[in-house]
């Protein structure tokens, strides 16, 4: 069985959907509820993002962390929750690549939340823009550190 077939298996998909639906226990206190249809949309977006950015994940931990982390946002309600989560998943995987996986999943989600809540005031477009600058600065610092660690002069 190829990895692609394994990732698309019905049994795995069902298991992942059930796992995401467990998040409802934690998010209901914020007036949010994910339906099976919502989770299917979230999974489809996740899978497209993973494929688009050449990534493979066998578990749903990142998606669950994002659901739970952003559920208390003052910019999210039940009407826009799935849309914003889908956008955030794409942003997350893009910036995992842009920072060359040198930032942990937890830390990157914290950074996304900090920007989203504060300087971006819930704007996904502004978030993308600010994170581009962040990623450029991050890569610059990483290159400088790597150069210095290798005895070079930056």
C-alpha atoms as a PDB file:
ATOM      1  CA  UNK A   1       0.000   0.000   0.000  1.00  0.00           C
ATOM      2  CA  UNK A   2       1.413   3.383  -0.973  1.00  0.00           C
ATOM      3  CA  UNK A   3       1.496   6.285   1.469  1.00  0.00           C
ATOM      4  CA  UNK A   4      -1.072   8.114  -0.675  1.00  0.00           C
ATOM      5  CA  UNK A   5      -3.461   5.132  -0.489  1.00  0.00           C
ATOM      6  CA  UNK A   6      -2.879   4.819   3.236  1.00  0.00           C
ATOM      7  CA  UNK A   7      -3.631   8.510   3.797  1.00  0.00           C
ATOM      8  CA  UNK A   8      -6.817   8.244   1.751  1.00  0.00           C
ATOM      9  CA  UNK A   9      -8.081   5.046   3.396  1.00  0.00           C
ATOM     10  CA  UNK A  10     -11.636   5.262   4.684  1.00  0.00           C
ATOM     11  CA  UNK A  11     -10.745   3.695   8.030  1.00  0.00           C
ATOM     12  CA  UNK A  12      -7.981   6.240   8.688  1.00  0.00           C
ATOM     13  CA  UNK A  13     -10.179   9.124   7.555  1.00  0.00           C
ATOM     14  CA  UNK A  14     -13.017   7.999   9.823  1.00  0.00           C
ATOM     15  CA  UNK A  15     -10.636   7.682  12.758  1.00  0.00           C
ATOM     16  CA  UNK A  16      -9.220  11.168  12.166  1.00  0.00           C
ATOM     17  CA  UNK A  17     -12.704  12.692  11.852  1.00  0.00           C
ATOM     18  CA  UNK A  18     -13.753  11.094  15.136  1.00  0.00           C
ATOM     19  CA  UNK A  19     -10.595  12.431  16.761  1.00  0.00           C
ATOM     20  CA  UNK A  20     -11.319  15.989  15.578  1.00  0.00           C
ATOM     21  CA  UNK A  21     -14.947  15.766  16.711  1.00  0.00           C
ATOM     22  CA  UNK A  22     -13.673  15.140  20.257  1.00  0.00           C
ATOM     23  CA  UNK A  23     -12.564  18.798  20.214  1.00  0.00           C
ATOM     24  CA  UNK A  24     -16.223  19.783  20.557  1.00  0.00           C
ATOM     25  CA  UNK A  25     -15.967  19.046  24.279  1.00  0.00           C
ATOM     26  CA  UNK A  26     -13.344  21.770  24.678  1.00  0.00           C
ATOM     27  CA  UNK A  27     -14.743  24.350  22.252  1.00  0.00           C
ATOM     28  CA  UNK A  28     -18.412  24.247  23.187  1.00  0.00           C
ATOM     29  CA  UNK A  29     -17.763  26.645  26.090  1.00  0.00           C
ATOM     30  CA  UNK A  30     -16.980  29.274  23.421  1.00  0.00           C
ATOM     31  CA  UNK A  31     -20.265  28.657  21.592  1.00  0.00           C
ATOM     32  CA  UNK A  32     -18.601  26.620  18.851  1.00  0.00           C
ATOM     33  CA  UNK A  33     -19.556  23.243  17.455  1.00  0.00           C
ATOM     34  CA  UNK A  34     -18.052  21.243  14.616  1.00  0.00           C
ATOM     35  CA  UNK A  35     -20.280  18.935  12.610  1.00  0.00           C
ATOM     36  CA  UNK A  36     -19.120  15.922  10.600  1.00  0.00           C
ATOM     37  CA  UNK A  37     -19.558  18.074   7.481  1.00  0.00           C
ATOM     38  CA  UNK A  38     -17.376  20.802   9.024  1.00  0.00           C
ATOM     39  CA  UNK A  39     -14.664  18.290   9.899  1.00  0.00           C
ATOM     40  CA  UNK A  40     -14.783  16.856   6.379  1.00  0.00           C
ATOM     41  CA  UNK A  41     -14.146  20.355   4.998  1.00  0.00           C
ATOM     42  CA  UNK A  42     -11.317  20.879   7.472  1.00  0.00           C
ATOM     43  CA  UNK A  43      -9.763  17.526   6.532  1.00  0.00           C
ATOM     44  CA  UNK A  44     -10.036  18.267   2.806  1.00  0.00           C
ATOM     45  CA  UNK A  45      -8.307  21.621   3.284  1.00  0.00           C
ATOM     46  CA  UNK A  46      -5.632  20.023   5.462  1.00  0.00           C
ATOM     47  CA  UNK A  47      -4.955  17.334   2.879  1.00  0.00           C
ATOM     48  CA  UNK A  48      -4.745  19.884   0.046  1.00  0.00           C
ATOM     49  CA  UNK A  49      -2.351  22.036   2.073  1.00  0.00           C
ATOM     50  CA  UNK A  50      -0.162  19.059   2.940  1.00  0.00           C
ATOM     51  CA  UNK A  51      -0.038  17.979  -0.685  1.00  0.00           C
ATOM     52  CA  UNK A  52       0.522  21.513  -1.956  1.00  0.00           C
ATOM     53  CA  UNK A  53       3.492  22.052   0.371  1.00  0.00           C
ATOM     54  CA  UNK A  54       4.918  18.549  -0.059  1.00  0.00           C
ATOM     55  CA  UNK A  55       4.268  17.504   3.512  1.00  0.00           C
ATOM     56  CA  UNK A  56       3.065  14.260   5.092  1.00  0.00           C
ATOM     57  CA  UNK A  57       1.368  13.934   8.474  1.00  0.00           C
ATOM     58  CA  UNK A  58      -0.169  10.727   9.706  1.00  0.00           C
ATOM     59  CA  UNK A  59      -1.856  12.231  12.724  1.00  0.00           C
ATOM     60  CA  UNK A  60      -4.296  15.076  13.254  1.00  0.00           C
ATOM     61  CA  UNK A  61      -2.567  16.664  16.266  1.00  0.00           C
ATOM     62  CA  UNK A  62      -1.808  20.008  14.564  1.00  0.00           C
ATOM     63  CA  UNK A  63      -5.392  20.466  13.386  1.00  0.00           C
ATOM     64  CA  UNK A  64      -6.741  19.690  16.852  1.00  0.00           C
ATOM     65  CA  UNK A  65      -4.263  22.077  18.455  1.00  0.00           C
ATOM     66  CA  UNK A  66      -5.343  24.845  16.093  1.00  0.00           C
ATOM     67  CA  UNK A  67      -9.034  24.189  16.733  1.00  0.00           C
ATOM     68  CA  UNK A  68      -8.537  24.350  20.462  1.00  0.00           C
ATOM     69  CA  UNK A  69      -6.066  27.260  20.442  1.00  0.00           C
ATOM     70  CA  UNK A  70      -8.190  29.532  18.251  1.00  0.00           C
ATOM     71  CA  UNK A  71     -11.597  28.614  19.704  1.00  0.00           C
ATOM     72  CA  UNK A  72     -11.396  31.402  22.284  1.00  0.00           C
ATOM     73  CA  UNK A  73     -10.606  34.107  19.716  1.00  0.00           C
ATOM     74  CA  UNK A  74     -12.735  37.210  19.857  1.00  0.00           C
ATOM     75  CA  UNK A  75     -12.641  37.207  16.032  1.00  0.00           C
ATOM     76  CA  UNK A  76     -14.133  33.726  15.628  1.00  0.00           C
ATOM     77  CA  UNK A  77     -17.731  32.629  15.905  1.00  0.00           C
ATOM     78  CA  UNK A  78     -19.637  29.560  14.753  1.00  0.00           C
ATOM     79  CA  UNK A  79     -20.341  31.199  11.383  1.00  0.00           C
ATOM     80  CA  UNK A  80     -16.710  31.769  10.381  1.00  0.00           C
ATOM     81  CA  UNK A  81     -14.927  29.110  12.464  1.00  0.00           C
ATOM     82  CA  UNK A  82     -14.429  26.517   9.699  1.00  0.00           C
ATOM     83  CA  UNK A  83     -13.436  29.137   7.115  1.00  0.00           C
ATOM     84  CA  UNK A  84     -10.819  30.649   9.440  1.00  0.00           C
ATOM     85  CA  UNK A  85      -9.507  27.236  10.486  1.00  0.00           C
ATOM     86  CA  UNK A  86      -9.101  26.272   6.857  1.00  0.00           C
ATOM     87  CA  UNK A  87      -7.211  29.472   6.119  1.00  0.00           C
ATOM     88  CA  UNK A  88      -5.053  29.018   9.207  1.00  0.00           C
ATOM     89  CA  UNK A  89      -4.136  25.458   8.228  1.00  0.00           C
ATOM     90  CA  UNK A  90      -2.869  26.678   4.876  1.00  0.00           C
ATOM     91  CA  UNK A  91      -0.935  29.497   6.546  1.00  0.00           C
ATOM     92  CA  UNK A  92       0.523  27.080   9.099  1.00  0.00           C
ATOM     93  CA  UNK A  93       1.893  24.589   6.566  1.00  0.00           C
ATOM     94  CA  UNK A  94       3.186  27.345   4.295  1.00  0.00           C
ATOM     95  CA  UNK A  95       5.135  28.869   7.168  1.00  0.00           C
ATOM     96  CA  UNK A  96       6.378  25.490   8.381  1.00  0.00           C
ATOM     97  CA  UNK A  97       8.098  25.278   5.002  1.00  0.00           C
ATOM     98  CA  UNK A  98       9.177  28.931   4.997  1.00  0.00           C
ATOM     99  CA  UNK A  99      10.880  28.491   8.371  1.00  0.00           C
ATOM    100  CA  UNK A 100      12.359  25.148   7.274  1.00  0.00           C
ATOM    101  CA  UNK A 101      10.677  23.284  10.148  1.00  0.00           C
ATOM    102  CA  UNK A 102      12.942  25.058  12.611  1.00  0.00           C
ATOM    103  CA  UNK A 103       9.983  26.272  14.672  1.00  0.00           C
ATOM    104  CA  UNK A 104       8.008  23.643  16.580  1.00  0.00           C
ATOM    105  CA  UNK A 105       4.332  23.121  15.794  1.00  0.00           C
ATOM    106  CA  UNK A 106       3.334  24.453  19.219  1.00  0.00           C
ATOM    107  CA  UNK A 107       5.485  27.566  18.879  1.00  0.00           C
ATOM    108  CA  UNK A 108       4.264  28.319  15.353  1.00  0.00           C
ATOM    109  CA  UNK A 109       0.637  27.961  16.432  1.00  0.00           C
ATOM    110  CA  UNK A 110       1.350  30.313  19.345  1.00  0.00           C
ATOM    111  CA  UNK A 111       2.894  32.820  16.916  1.00  0.00           C
ATOM    112  CA  UNK A 112      -0.109  32.551  14.578  1.00  0.00           C
ATOM    113  CA  UNK A 113      -2.501  33.119  17.476  1.00  0.00           C
ATOM    114  CA  UNK A 114      -0.523  36.066  18.843  1.00  0.00           C
ATOM    115  CA  UNK A 115      -0.471  37.844  15.488  1.00  0.00           C
ATOM    116  CA  UNK A 116      -4.087  36.912  14.639  1.00  0.00           C
ATOM    117  CA  UNK A 117      -5.456  38.245  17.934  1.00  0.00           C
ATOM    118  CA  UNK A 118      -3.330  41.332  18.285  1.00  0.00           C
ATOM    119  CA  UNK A 119      -1.654  43.118  15.398  1.00  0.00           C
ATOM    120  CA  UNK A 120      -3.851  41.465  12.734  1.00  0.00           C
ATOM    121  CA  UNK A 121      -7.172  41.845  14.572  1.00  0.00           C
ATOM    122  CA  UNK A 122      -8.550  38.667  12.997  1.00  0.00           C
ATOM    123  CA  UNK A 123      -7.466  39.450   9.412  1.00  0.00           C
ATOM    124  CA  UNK A 124      -6.052  36.419   7.592  1.00  0.00           C
ATOM    125  CA  UNK A 125      -4.591  38.592   4.811  1.00  0.00           C
ATOM    126  CA  UNK A 126      -2.792  40.802   7.315  1.00  0.00           C
ATOM    127  CA  UNK A 127      -1.609  37.674   9.139  1.00  0.00           C
ATOM    128  CA  UNK A 128      -0.069  36.305   5.935  1.00  0.00           C
ATOM    129  CA  UNK A 129       1.641  39.613   5.266  1.00  0.00           C
ATOM    130  CA  UNK A 130       3.075  39.969   8.772  1.00  0.00           C
ATOM    131  CA  UNK A 131       4.223  36.352   8.808  1.00  0.00           C
ATOM    132  CA  UNK A 132       6.071  36.856   5.510  1.00  0.00           C
ATOM    133  CA  UNK A 133       8.124  39.538   7.228  1.00  0.00           C
ATOM    134  CA  UNK A 134       8.561  37.290  10.275  1.00  0.00           C
ATOM    135  CA  UNK A 135       9.734  34.377   8.086  1.00  0.00           C
ATOM    136  CA  UNK A 136      12.222  36.576   6.229  1.00  0.00           C
ATOM    137  CA  UNK A 137      13.691  37.825   9.496  1.00  0.00           C
ATOM    138  CA  UNK A 138      13.726  34.302  10.910  1.00  0.00           C
ATOM    139  CA  UNK A 139      15.602  32.919   7.879  1.00  0.00           C
ATOM    140  CA  UNK A 140      18.058  35.816   8.005  1.00  0.00           C
ATOM    141  CA  UNK A 141      18.819  35.179  11.692  1.00  0.00           C
ATOM    142  CA  UNK A 142      19.080  31.435  11.082  1.00  0.00           C
ATOM    143  CA  UNK A 143      21.502  31.936   8.187  1.00  0.00           C
ATOM    144  CA  UNK A 144      23.588  34.308  10.283  1.00  0.00           C
ATOM    145  CA  UNK A 145      23.678  31.850  13.189  1.00  0.00           C
ATOM    146  CA  UNK A 146      24.541  28.931  10.879  1.00  0.00           C
ATOM    147  CA  UNK A 147      27.307  30.974   9.260  1.00  0.00           C
ATOM    148  CA  UNK A 148      28.786  31.945  12.610  1.00  0.00           C
ATOM    149  CA  UNK A 149      28.480  28.366  13.919  1.00  0.00           C
ATOM    150  CA  UNK A 150      30.467  27.179  10.896  1.00  0.00           C
ATOM    151  CA  UNK A 151      33.251  29.681  11.514  1.00  0.00           C
ATOM    152  CA  UNK A 152      32.190  31.983   8.732  1.00  0.00           C
ATOM    153  CA  UNK A 153      31.622  35.663   8.792  1.00  0.00           C
ATOM    154  CA  UNK A 154      28.163  36.895   7.965  1.00  0.00           C
END
